Amino acid sequence: MILASSHTGETRDAVASLYPTVEEARITCAIVDAAAKVRDLDFKYMAEGKGATVTARFGPDGITLCDPNRVVEGAEKVFQRSYKKAI
């Protein structure tokens, strides 16, 4: 298979070591997505005067957003899994 950038003339296999695999890219995107969610929620809560309390936990169970501002809604709202594979 020829890459979309056909001026190189290299096959996908020939340049495979230069680019992340689908699985590697998926993890990177999941981390960036979690960071964006934490940023957005912390910005919202700061504007409400509540402080920046949202975090993300990375572990063998994946990525979990931790939002203590939602404690009255129950544990399933405080701890929301955003990625289900080990990090």
PDB file of N, CA and C in Angstrom:
ATOM      1  N   MET A   1       0.842  -1.170   0.000  1.00  0.00           N
ATOM      2  CA  MET A   1       0.000   0.000   0.000  1.00  0.00           C
ATOM      3  C   MET A   1       0.892   1.240   0.000  1.00  0.00           C
ATOM      4  N   ILE A   2       0.554   2.211  -0.795  1.00  0.00           N
ATOM      5  CA  ILE A   2       1.295   3.461  -0.879  1.00  0.00           C
ATOM      6  C   ILE A   2       0.658   4.483   0.055  1.00  0.00           C
ATOM      7  N   LEU A   3       1.474   5.246   0.750  1.00  0.00           N
ATOM      8  CA  LEU A   3       0.966   6.295   1.629  1.00  0.00           C
ATOM      9  C   LEU A   3       0.289   7.391   0.827  1.00  0.00           C
ATOM     10  N   ALA A   4      -0.593   8.130   1.501  1.00  0.00           N
ATOM     11  CA  ALA A   4      -1.274   9.241   0.832  1.00  0.00           C
ATOM     12  C   ALA A   4      -0.261  10.257   0.321  1.00  0.00           C
ATOM     13  N   SER A   5       0.842  10.381   1.016  1.00  0.00           N
ATOM     14  CA  SER A   5       1.898  11.291   0.594  1.00  0.00           C
ATOM     15  C   SER A   5       2.762  10.553  -0.434  1.00  0.00           C
ATOM     16  N   SER A   6       2.254  10.386  -1.629  1.00  0.00           N
ATOM     17  CA  SER A   6       2.883   9.533  -2.636  1.00  0.00           C
ATOM     18  C   SER A   6       4.221  10.046  -3.150  1.00  0.00           C
ATOM     19  N   HIS A   7       4.584  11.284  -2.832  1.00  0.00           N
ATOM     20  CA  HIS A   7       5.869  11.785  -3.296  1.00  0.00           C
ATOM     21  C   HIS A   7       7.034  11.031  -2.666  1.00  0.00           C
ATOM     22  N   THR A   8       6.787  10.376  -1.529  1.00  0.00           N
ATOM     23  CA  THR A   8       7.860   9.611  -0.894  1.00  0.00           C
ATOM     24  C   THR A   8       8.048   8.269  -1.583  1.00  0.00           C
ATOM     25  N   GLY A   9       6.978   7.711  -2.085  1.00  0.00           N
ATOM     26  CA  GLY A   9       7.047   6.427  -2.760  1.00  0.00           C
ATOM     27  C   GLY A   9       7.288   5.252  -1.835  1.00  0.00           C
ATOM     28  N   GLU A  10       7.195   5.453  -0.532  1.00  0.00           N
ATOM     29  CA  GLU A  10       7.433   4.381   0.427  1.00  0.00           C
ATOM     30  C   GLU A  10       6.125   3.661   0.764  1.00  0.00           C
ATOM     31  N   THR A  11       6.249   2.385   1.065  1.00  0.00           N
ATOM     32  CA  THR A  11       5.084   1.617   1.495  1.00  0.00           C
ATOM     33  C   THR A  11       4.833   1.881   2.969  1.00  0.00           C
ATOM     34  N   ARG A  12       3.658   1.536   3.435  1.00  0.00           N
ATOM     35  CA  ARG A  12       3.318   1.687   4.844  1.00  0.00           C
ATOM     36  C   ARG A  12       4.268   0.862   5.708  1.00  0.00           C
ATOM     37  N   ASP A  13       4.563  -0.349   5.273  1.00  0.00           N
ATOM     38  CA  ASP A  13       5.469  -1.198   6.042  1.00  0.00           C
ATOM     39  C   ASP A  13       6.865  -0.592   6.149  1.00  0.00           C
ATOM     40  N   ALA A  14       7.306   0.084   5.115  1.00  0.00           N
ATOM     41  CA  ALA A  14       8.646   0.663   5.118  1.00  0.00           C
ATOM     42  C   ALA A  14       8.789   1.808   6.119  1.00  0.00           C
ATOM     43  N   VAL A  15       7.707   2.482   6.419  1.00  0.00           N
ATOM     44  CA  VAL A  15       7.774   3.618   7.345  1.00  0.00           C
ATOM     45  C   VAL A  15       7.054   3.331   8.669  1.00  0.00           C
ATOM     46  N   ALA A  16       6.656   2.095   8.905  1.00  0.00           N
ATOM     47  CA  ALA A  16       5.880   1.734  10.097  1.00  0.00           C
ATOM     48  C   ALA A  16       6.594   2.116  11.396  1.00  0.00           C
ATOM     49  N   SER A  17       7.898   2.032  11.430  1.00  0.00           N
ATOM     50  CA  SER A  17       8.624   2.350  12.667  1.00  0.00           C
ATOM     51  C   SER A  17       8.628   3.851  12.970  1.00  0.00           C
ATOM     52  N   LEU A  18       8.253   4.679  12.004  1.00  0.00           N
ATOM     53  CA  LEU A  18       8.260   6.130  12.189  1.00  0.00           C
ATOM     54  C   LEU A  18       6.957   6.673  12.756  1.00  0.00           C
ATOM     55  N   TYR A  19       5.895   5.877  12.707  1.00  0.00           N
ATOM     56  CA  TYR A  19       4.570   6.342  13.099  1.00  0.00           C
ATOM     57  C   TYR A  19       3.995   5.439  14.178  1.00  0.00           C
ATOM     58  N   PRO A  20       3.138   5.985  15.055  1.00  0.00           N
ATOM     59  CA  PRO A  20       2.530   5.145  16.088  1.00  0.00           C
ATOM     60  C   PRO A  20       1.538   4.159  15.478  1.00  0.00           C
ATOM     61  N   THR A  21       1.383   3.045  16.168  1.00  0.00           N
ATOM     62  CA  THR A  21       0.361   2.087  15.771  1.00  0.00           C
ATOM     63  C   THR A  21      -1.003   2.652  16.154  1.00  0.00           C
ATOM     64  N   VAL A  22      -2.053   2.020  15.699  1.00  0.00           N
ATOM     65  CA  VAL A  22      -3.409   2.448  16.059  1.00  0.00           C
ATOM     66  C   VAL A  22      -3.576   2.405  17.575  1.00  0.00           C
ATOM     67  N   GLU A  23      -3.088   1.347  18.216  1.00  0.00           N
ATOM     68  CA  GLU A  23      -3.223   1.222  19.664  1.00  0.00           C
ATOM     69  C   GLU A  23      -2.448   2.323  20.392  1.00  0.00           C
ATOM     70  N   GLU A  24      -1.241   2.629  19.951  1.00  0.00           N
ATOM     71  CA  GLU A  24      -0.465   3.701  20.572  1.00  0.00           C
ATOM     72  C   GLU A  24      -1.162   5.048  20.409  1.00  0.00           C
ATOM     73  N   ALA A  25      -1.716   5.304  19.261  1.00  0.00           N
ATOM     74  CA  ALA A  25      -2.408   6.571  19.010  1.00  0.00           C
ATOM     75  C   ALA A  25      -3.688   6.665  19.826  1.00  0.00           C
ATOM     76  N   ARG A  26      -4.371   5.556  20.001  1.00  0.00           N
ATOM     77  CA  ARG A  26      -5.619   5.543  20.775  1.00  0.00           C
ATOM     78  C   ARG A  26      -5.348   5.967  22.219  1.00  0.00           C
ATOM     79  N   ILE A  27      -4.295   5.460  22.826  1.00  0.00           N
ATOM     80  CA  ILE A  27      -3.963   5.807  24.204  1.00  0.00           C
ATOM     81  C   ILE A  27      -3.639   7.295  24.311  1.00  0.00           C
ATOM     82  N   THR A  28      -2.844   7.793  23.369  1.00  0.00           N
ATOM     83  CA  THR A  28      -2.488   9.212  23.370  1.00  0.00           C
ATOM     84  C   THR A  28      -3.739  10.073  23.271  1.00  0.00           C
ATOM     85  N   CYS A  29      -4.638   9.723  22.372  1.00  0.00           N
ATOM     86  CA  CYS A  29      -5.886  10.486  22.214  1.00  0.00           C
ATOM     87  C   CYS A  29      -6.733  10.417  23.479  1.00  0.00           C
ATOM     88  N   ALA A  30      -6.770   9.259  24.145  1.00  0.00           N
ATOM     89  CA  ALA A  30      -7.551   9.123  25.377  1.00  0.00           C
ATOM     90  C   ALA A  30      -6.988  10.010  26.480  1.00  0.00           C
ATOM     91  N   ILE A  31      -5.667  10.106  26.569  1.00  0.00           N
ATOM     92  CA  ILE A  31      -5.032  10.955  27.584  1.00  0.00           C
ATOM     93  C   ILE A  31      -5.330  12.429  27.304  1.00  0.00           C
ATOM     94  N   VAL A  32      -5.206  12.825  26.053  1.00  0.00           N
ATOM     95  CA  VAL A  32      -5.494  14.219  25.686  1.00  0.00           C
ATOM     96  C   VAL A  32      -6.973  14.536  25.927  1.00  0.00           C
ATOM     97  N   ASP A  33      -7.850  13.602  25.610  1.00  0.00           N
ATOM     98  CA  ASP A  33      -9.282  13.798  25.841  1.00  0.00           C
ATOM     99  C   ASP A  33      -9.568  13.967  27.337  1.00  0.00           C
ATOM    100  N   ALA A  34      -8.968  13.131  28.168  1.00  0.00           N
ATOM    101  CA  ALA A  34      -9.171  13.247  29.617  1.00  0.00           C
ATOM    102  C   ALA A  34      -8.655  14.584  30.127  1.00  0.00           C
ATOM    103  N   ALA A  35      -7.495  15.005  29.640  1.00  0.00           N
ATOM    104  CA  ALA A  35      -6.933  16.293  30.063  1.00  0.00           C
ATOM    105  C   ALA A  35      -7.852  17.441  29.675  1.00  0.00           C
ATOM    106  N   ALA A  36      -8.437  17.377  28.495  1.00  0.00           N
ATOM    107  CA  ALA A  36      -9.355  18.434  28.052  1.00  0.00           C
ATOM    108  C   ALA A  36     -10.618  18.461  28.911  1.00  0.00           C
ATOM    109  N   LYS A  37     -11.120  17.291  29.274  1.00  0.00           N
ATOM    110  CA  LYS A  37     -12.316  17.244  30.129  1.00  0.00           C
ATOM    111  C   LYS A  37     -12.018  17.819  31.508  1.00  0.00           C
ATOM    112  N   VAL A  38     -10.857  17.464  32.069  1.00  0.00           N
ATOM    113  CA  VAL A  38     -10.462  18.006  33.370  1.00  0.00           C
ATOM    114  C   VAL A  38     -10.341  19.527  33.275  1.00  0.00           C
ATOM    115  N   ARG A  39      -9.665  20.003  32.230  1.00  0.00           N
ATOM    116  CA  ARG A  39      -9.503  21.460  32.037  1.00  0.00           C
ATOM    117  C   ARG A  39     -10.851  22.163  31.979  1.00  0.00           C
ATOM    118  N   ASP A  40     -11.756  21.632  31.150  1.00  0.00           N
ATOM    119  CA  ASP A  40     -13.065  22.280  30.966  1.00  0.00           C
ATOM    120  C   ASP A  40     -13.872  22.298  32.262  1.00  0.00           C
ATOM    121  N   LEU A  41     -13.886  21.177  32.975  1.00  0.00           N
ATOM    122  CA  LEU A  41     -14.636  21.138  34.231  1.00  0.00           C
ATOM    123  C   LEU A  41     -14.008  22.043  35.282  1.00  0.00           C
ATOM    124  N   ASP A  42     -12.672  22.022  35.386  1.00  0.00           N
ATOM    125  CA  ASP A  42     -12.016  22.897  36.352  1.00  0.00           C
ATOM    126  C   ASP A  42     -12.267  24.370  36.030  1.00  0.00           C
ATOM    127  N   PHE A  43     -12.259  24.726  34.759  1.00  0.00           N
ATOM    128  CA  PHE A  43     -12.553  26.108  34.361  1.00  0.00           C
ATOM    129  C   PHE A  43     -13.971  26.487  34.779  1.00  0.00           C
ATOM    130  N   LYS A  44     -14.919  25.585  34.525  1.00  0.00           N
ATOM    131  CA  LYS A  44     -16.314  25.818  34.902  1.00  0.00           C
ATOM    132  C   LYS A  44     -16.445  26.010  36.407  1.00  0.00           C
ATOM    133  N   TYR A  45     -15.833  25.108  37.173  1.00  0.00           N
ATOM    134  CA  TYR A  45     -15.935  25.193  38.625  1.00  0.00           C
ATOM    135  C   TYR A  45     -15.216  26.428  39.176  1.00  0.00           C
ATOM    136  N   MET A  46     -14.089  26.808  38.581  1.00  0.00           N
ATOM    137  CA  MET A  46     -13.396  28.025  39.019  1.00  0.00           C
ATOM    138  C   MET A  46     -14.293  29.246  38.808  1.00  0.00           C
ATOM    139  N   ALA A  47     -14.980  29.282  37.664  1.00  0.00           N
ATOM    140  CA  ALA A  47     -15.883  30.401  37.373  1.00  0.00           C
ATOM    141  C   ALA A  47     -17.035  30.451  38.374  1.00  0.00           C
ATOM    142  N   GLU A  48     -17.407  29.275  38.914  1.00  0.00           N
ATOM    143  CA  GLU A  48     -18.474  29.196  39.906  1.00  0.00           C
ATOM    144  C   GLU A  48     -17.942  29.412  41.327  1.00  0.00           C
ATOM    145  N   GLY A  49     -16.633  29.620  41.470  1.00  0.00           N
ATOM    146  CA  GLY A  49     -16.033  29.837  42.779  1.00  0.00           C
ATOM    147  C   GLY A  49     -15.807  28.580  43.588  1.00  0.00           C
ATOM    148  N   LYS A  50     -15.812  27.415  42.940  1.00  0.00           N
ATOM    149  CA  LYS A  50     -15.666  26.141  43.645  1.00  0.00           C
ATOM    150  C   LYS A  50     -14.230  25.624  43.684  1.00  0.00           C
ATOM    151  N   GLY A  51     -13.366  26.173  42.894  1.00  0.00           N
ATOM    152  CA  GLY A  51     -11.988  25.677  42.844  1.00  0.00           C
ATOM    153  C   GLY A  51     -11.799  24.611  41.778  1.00  0.00           C
ATOM    154  N   ALA A  52     -10.540  24.368  41.456  1.00  0.00           N
ATOM    155  CA  ALA A  52     -10.179  23.383  40.421  1.00  0.00           C
ATOM    156  C   ALA A  52      -9.919  22.044  41.095  1.00  0.00           C
ATOM    157  N   THR A  53     -10.951  21.239  41.219  1.00  0.00           N
ATOM    158  CA  THR A  53     -10.855  20.000  41.996  1.00  0.00           C
ATOM    159  C   THR A  53     -10.917  18.731  41.157  1.00  0.00           C
ATOM    160  N   VAL A  54     -11.173  18.832  39.868  1.00  0.00           N
ATOM    161  CA  VAL A  54     -11.312  17.652  39.019  1.00  0.00           C
ATOM    162  C   VAL A  54      -9.930  17.131  38.641  1.00  0.00           C
ATOM    163  N   THR A  55      -9.776  15.828  38.688  1.00  0.00           N
ATOM    164  CA  THR A  55      -8.528  15.183  38.292  1.00  0.00           C
ATOM    165  C   THR A  55      -8.836  13.975  37.426  1.00  0.00           C
ATOM    166  N   ALA A  56      -7.792  13.385  36.876  1.00  0.00           N
ATOM    167  CA  ALA A  56      -7.925  12.130  36.135  1.00  0.00           C
ATOM    168  C   ALA A  56      -6.950  11.132  36.734  1.00  0.00           C
ATOM    169  N   ARG A  57      -7.421   9.924  36.924  1.00  0.00           N
ATOM    170  CA  ARG A  57      -6.603   8.840  37.471  1.00  0.00           C
ATOM    171  C   ARG A  57      -6.283   7.870  36.339  1.00  0.00           C
ATOM    172  N   PHE A  58      -5.011   7.530  36.184  1.00  0.00           N
ATOM    173  CA  PHE A  58      -4.556   6.614  35.147  1.00  0.00           C
ATOM    174  C   PHE A  58      -4.075   5.333  35.819  1.00  0.00           C
ATOM    175  N   GLY A  59      -4.543   4.184  35.345  1.00  0.00           N
ATOM    176  CA  GLY A  59      -4.126   2.944  35.988  1.00  0.00           C
ATOM    177  C   GLY A  59      -4.488   1.715  35.201  1.00  0.00           C
ATOM    178  N   PRO A  60      -4.402   0.567  35.846  1.00  0.00           N
ATOM    179  CA  PRO A  60      -4.678  -0.699  35.164  1.00  0.00           C
ATOM    180  C   PRO A  60      -6.132  -0.839  34.719  1.00  0.00           C
ATOM    181  N   ASP A  61      -7.015  -0.013  35.301  1.00  0.00           N
ATOM    182  CA  ASP A  61      -8.423  -0.049  34.914  1.00  0.00           C
ATOM    183  C   ASP A  61      -8.760   1.025  33.882  1.00  0.00           C
ATOM    184  N   GLY A  62      -7.750   1.750  33.385  1.00  0.00           N
ATOM    185  CA  GLY A  62      -7.968   2.763  32.360  1.00  0.00           C
ATOM    186  C   GLY A  62      -7.832   4.170  32.902  1.00  0.00           C
ATOM    187  N   ILE A  63      -8.635   5.075  32.383  1.00  0.00           N
ATOM    188  CA  ILE A  63      -8.631   6.472  32.819  1.00  0.00           C
ATOM    189  C   ILE A  63      -9.976   6.759  33.467  1.00  0.00           C
ATOM    190  N   THR A  64      -9.914   7.301  34.669  1.00  0.00           N
ATOM    191  CA  THR A  64     -11.126   7.648  35.403  1.00  0.00           C
ATOM    192  C   THR A  64     -11.079   9.126  35.772  1.00  0.00           C
ATOM    193  N   LEU A  65     -12.116   9.856  35.410  1.00  0.00           N
ATOM    194  CA  LEU A  65     -12.234  11.252  35.825  1.00  0.00           C
ATOM    195  C   LEU A  65     -12.802  11.272  37.237  1.00  0.00           C
ATOM    196  N   CYS A  66     -12.203  12.078  38.104  1.00  0.00           N
ATOM    197  CA  CYS A  66     -12.639  12.186  39.496  1.00  0.00           C
ATOM    198  C   CYS A  66     -13.154  13.608  39.720  1.00  0.00           C
ATOM    199  N   ASP A  67     -14.454  13.730  39.926  1.00  0.00           N
ATOM    200  CA  ASP A  67     -15.092  15.036  40.074  1.00  0.00           C
ATOM    201  C   ASP A  67     -15.828  15.100  41.403  1.00  0.00           C
ATOM    202  N   PRO A  68     -15.131  15.537  42.474  1.00  0.00           N
ATOM    203  CA  PRO A  68     -15.762  15.563  43.797  1.00  0.00           C
ATOM    204  C   PRO A  68     -16.929  16.546  43.906  1.00  0.00           C
ATOM    205  N   ASN A  69     -17.067  17.449  42.968  1.00  0.00           N
ATOM    206  CA  ASN A  69     -18.192  18.383  42.996  1.00  0.00           C
ATOM    207  C   ASN A  69     -19.522  17.684  42.743  1.00  0.00           C
ATOM    208  N   ARG A  70     -19.479  16.452  42.263  1.00  0.00           N
ATOM    209  CA  ARG A  70     -20.713  15.725  41.961  1.00  0.00           C
ATOM    210  C   ARG A  70     -21.057  14.677  43.015  1.00  0.00           C
ATOM    211  N   VAL A  71     -20.487  14.803  44.203  1.00  0.00           N
ATOM    212  CA  VAL A  71     -20.666  13.797  45.243  1.00  0.00           C
ATOM    213  C   VAL A  71     -22.139  13.576  45.597  1.00  0.00           C
ATOM    214  N   VAL A  72     -22.949  14.606  45.540  1.00  0.00           N
ATOM    215  CA  VAL A  72     -24.371  14.445  45.879  1.00  0.00           C
ATOM    216  C   VAL A  72     -25.118  13.599  44.852  1.00  0.00           C
ATOM    217  N   GLU A  73     -24.505  13.403  43.670  1.00  0.00           N
ATOM    218  CA  GLU A  73     -25.125  12.597  42.618  1.00  0.00           C
ATOM    219  C   GLU A  73     -24.724  11.126  42.700  1.00  0.00           C
ATOM    220  N   GLY A  74     -23.817  10.792  43.591  1.00  0.00           N
ATOM    221  CA  GLY A  74     -23.410   9.411  43.770  1.00  0.00           C
ATOM    222  C   GLY A  74     -22.049   9.111  43.161  1.00  0.00           C
ATOM    223  N   ALA A  75     -21.501   7.989  43.600  1.00  0.00           N
ATOM    224  CA  ALA A  75     -20.144   7.591  43.203  1.00  0.00           C
ATOM    225  C   ALA A  75     -19.981   7.443  41.694  1.00  0.00           C
ATOM    226  N   GLU A  76     -21.026   6.977  41.006  1.00  0.00           N
ATOM    227  CA  GLU A  76     -20.912   6.791  39.554  1.00  0.00           C
ATOM    228  C   GLU A  76     -20.742   8.116  38.809  1.00  0.00           C
ATOM    229  N   LYS A  77     -21.140   9.216  39.430  1.00  0.00           N
ATOM    230  CA  LYS A  77     -20.939  10.543  38.833  1.00  0.00           C
ATOM    231  C   LYS A  77     -19.597  11.140  39.254  1.00  0.00           C
ATOM    232  N   VAL A  78     -19.153  10.820  40.456  1.00  0.00           N
ATOM    233  CA  VAL A  78     -17.856  11.312  40.931  1.00  0.00           C
ATOM    234  C   VAL A  78     -16.736  10.637  40.149  1.00  0.00           C
ATOM    235  N   PHE A  79     -16.850   9.325  39.943  1.00  0.00           N
ATOM    236  CA  PHE A  79     -15.828   8.552  39.242  1.00  0.00           C
ATOM    237  C   PHE A  79     -16.380   8.068  37.915  1.00  0.00           C
ATOM    238  N   GLN A  80     -15.991   8.728  36.838  1.00  0.00           N
ATOM    239  CA  GLN A  80     -16.475   8.357  35.501  1.00  0.00           C
ATOM    240  C   GLN A  80     -15.322   7.838  34.656  1.00  0.00           C
ATOM    241  N   ARG A  81     -15.445   6.617  34.197  1.00  0.00           N
ATOM    242  CA  ARG A  81     -14.410   6.005  33.371  1.00  0.00           C
ATOM    243  C   ARG A  81     -14.492   6.594  31.974  1.00  0.00           C
ATOM    244  N   SER A  82     -13.378   7.128  31.495  1.00  0.00           N
ATOM    245  CA  SER A  82     -13.370   7.708  30.144  1.00  0.00           C
ATOM    246  C   SER A  82     -12.589   6.847  29.160  1.00  0.00           C
ATOM    247  N   TYR A  83     -11.842   5.853  29.678  1.00  0.00           N
ATOM    248  CA  TYR A  83     -11.084   4.933  28.812  1.00  0.00           C
ATOM    249  C   TYR A  83     -10.943   3.642  29.589  1.00  0.00           C
ATOM    250  N   LYS A  84     -11.282   2.512  28.964  1.00  0.00           N
ATOM    251  CA  LYS A  84     -11.394   1.273  29.702  1.00  0.00           C
ATOM    252  C   LYS A  84     -10.217   0.305  29.575  1.00  0.00           C
ATOM    253  N   LYS A  85      -9.130   0.732  28.937  1.00  0.00           N
ATOM    254  CA  LYS A  85      -7.969  -0.149  28.825  1.00  0.00           C
ATOM    255  C   LYS A  85      -6.853   0.339  29.733  1.00  0.00           C
ATOM    256  N   ALA A  86      -6.003  -0.572  30.164  1.00  0.00           N
ATOM    257  CA  ALA A  86      -4.903  -0.209  31.065  1.00  0.00           C
ATOM    258  C   ALA A  86      -4.001   0.862  30.474  1.00  0.00           C
ATOM    259  N   ILE A  87      -3.559   1.755  31.323  1.00  0.00           N
ATOM    260  CA  ILE A  87      -2.648   2.826  30.909  1.00  0.00           C
ATOM    261  C   ILE A  87      -1.287   2.552  31.514  1.00  0.00           C
TER     262      ILE A  87
END
